[in-house]
Amino acid sequence: ILRWSDDPEAALERYEQALATWRERFGGRAREPARVIAGRSDRGGLVVVNLFATEQDHHAFHGVRELLSDAGHASPEVERVEVVADWPRSDAPG
């Protein structure tokens, strides 16, 4: 989980720029997050949740931190969460 206190729209634009650069440089050699969820935080700013299929994919994605800096992002507040449960939405088709 990455958190920036910046304007959410500007922060998301910089994150997308860094992700596009990461894809160009590493996309053929490493897998990007299986899913990315971005939203406005109730504390202000932008929150990005990157979900990875494997721990190896997560480690391969660490190169994005330098690209975020190059895109003008301040270092985000980072929280790492290990998923211990994952179940489908209650309204998902069975």
Protein backbone atom coordinates (compact mmCIF):
# COMPACT_ATOMS: atom_id res chain seq x y z
CA ILE A 1 0.00 0.00 0.00
CA LEU A 2 1.49 3.32 -1.07
CA ARG A 3 0.25 6.67 0.27
CA TRP A 4 1.01 10.17 -0.96
CA SER A 5 -0.34 13.36 0.55
CA ASP A 6 -0.18 15.09 -2.88
CA ASP A 7 -3.17 16.11 -4.96
CA PRO A 8 -4.72 12.73 -5.92
CA GLU A 9 -5.07 13.47 -9.63
CA ALA A 10 -1.49 14.72 -9.98
CA ALA A 11 -0.17 11.84 -7.87
CA LEU A 12 -2.05 9.28 -9.96
CA GLU A 13 -0.69 10.80 -13.16
CA ARG A 14 2.90 10.51 -11.86
CA TYR A 15 2.27 6.95 -10.68
CA GLU A 16 0.89 5.97 -14.11
CA GLN A 17 3.92 7.59 -15.76
CA ALA A 18 6.29 5.61 -13.55
CA LEU A 19 4.37 2.39 -14.20
CA ALA A 20 4.52 2.96 -17.98
CA THR A 21 8.28 3.51 -17.77
CA TRP A 22 8.63 0.35 -15.64
CA ARG A 23 6.72 -1.64 -18.29
CA GLU A 24 9.07 -0.35 -21.00
CA ARG A 25 12.21 -1.24 -19.03
CA PHE A 26 11.24 -4.43 -17.23
CA GLY A 27 7.94 -5.67 -18.68
CA GLY A 28 9.52 -8.45 -20.72
CA ARG A 29 11.51 -9.74 -17.76
CA ALA A 30 9.16 -9.26 -14.83
CA ARG A 31 5.46 -9.33 -14.15
CA GLU A 32 3.67 -6.21 -13.08
CA PRO A 33 1.09 -6.27 -10.29
CA ALA A 34 -1.82 -8.63 -10.91
CA ARG A 35 -4.10 -5.78 -9.91
CA VAL A 36 -3.68 -2.10 -9.04
CA ILE A 37 -6.32 -0.22 -7.08
CA ALA A 38 -5.98 3.55 -6.67
CA GLY A 39 -8.22 5.92 -4.77
CA ARG A 40 -8.53 9.09 -2.77
CA SER A 41 -7.75 8.64 0.90
CA ASP A 42 -10.11 9.94 3.57
CA ARG A 43 -6.93 11.48 5.06
CA GLY A 44 -6.31 13.31 1.77
CA GLY A 45 -3.98 12.34 -1.02
CA LEU A 46 -3.71 9.16 -3.04
CA VAL A 47 -3.57 5.53 -1.94
CA VAL A 48 -2.38 2.83 -4.36
CA VAL A 49 -2.73 -0.86 -3.56
CA ASN A 50 -0.62 -3.17 -5.71
CA LEU A 51 -1.60 -6.83 -5.59
CA PHE A 52 0.97 -9.38 -6.73
CA ALA A 53 0.47 -13.02 -7.69
CA THR A 54 3.77 -14.06 -6.11
CA GLU A 55 6.44 -12.76 -3.78
CA GLN A 56 8.89 -12.88 -6.71
CA ASP A 57 6.64 -10.56 -8.72
CA HIS A 58 6.55 -8.18 -5.76
CA HIS A 59 10.35 -8.10 -5.47
CA ALA A 60 10.76 -7.58 -9.22
CA PHE A 61 8.51 -4.53 -8.98
CA HIS A 62 10.77 -2.76 -6.46
CA GLY A 63 12.50 -0.98 -9.35
CA VAL A 64 9.44 1.22 -9.67
CA ARG A 65 10.49 3.21 -6.58
CA GLU A 66 13.35 4.91 -8.47
CA LEU A 67 11.01 5.60 -11.38
CA LEU A 68 8.52 7.22 -9.04
CA SER A 69 11.27 9.53 -7.82
CA ASP A 70 12.23 10.31 -11.42
CA ALA A 71 8.56 11.15 -12.12
CA GLY A 72 8.59 13.74 -9.34
CA HIS A 73 6.98 11.71 -6.58
CA ALA A 74 8.08 12.18 -3.03
CA SER A 75 8.74 8.86 -1.34
CA PRO A 76 5.40 7.37 -0.37
CA GLU A 77 4.44 6.07 3.00
CA VAL A 78 4.63 2.30 2.47
CA GLU A 79 2.69 -0.41 4.24
CA ARG A 80 3.22 -4.04 3.30
CA VAL A 81 0.32 -6.40 3.93
CA GLU A 82 0.49 -10.17 3.64
CA VAL A 83 -2.87 -11.50 2.53
CA VAL A 84 -4.20 -14.15 4.89
CA ALA A 85 -7.70 -14.45 3.40
CA ASP A 86 -9.22 -13.73 0.00
CA TRP A 87 -12.82 -14.50 -0.79
CA PRO A 88 -15.17 -13.45 -3.59
CA ARG A 89 -17.58 -10.58 -3.24
CA SER A 90 -20.94 -11.59 -1.85
CA ASP A 91 -22.69 -10.34 -5.03
CA ALA A 92 -20.32 -12.14 -7.41
CA PRO A 93 -21.91 -14.82 -9.61
CA GLY A 94 -21.42 -18.29 -8.15
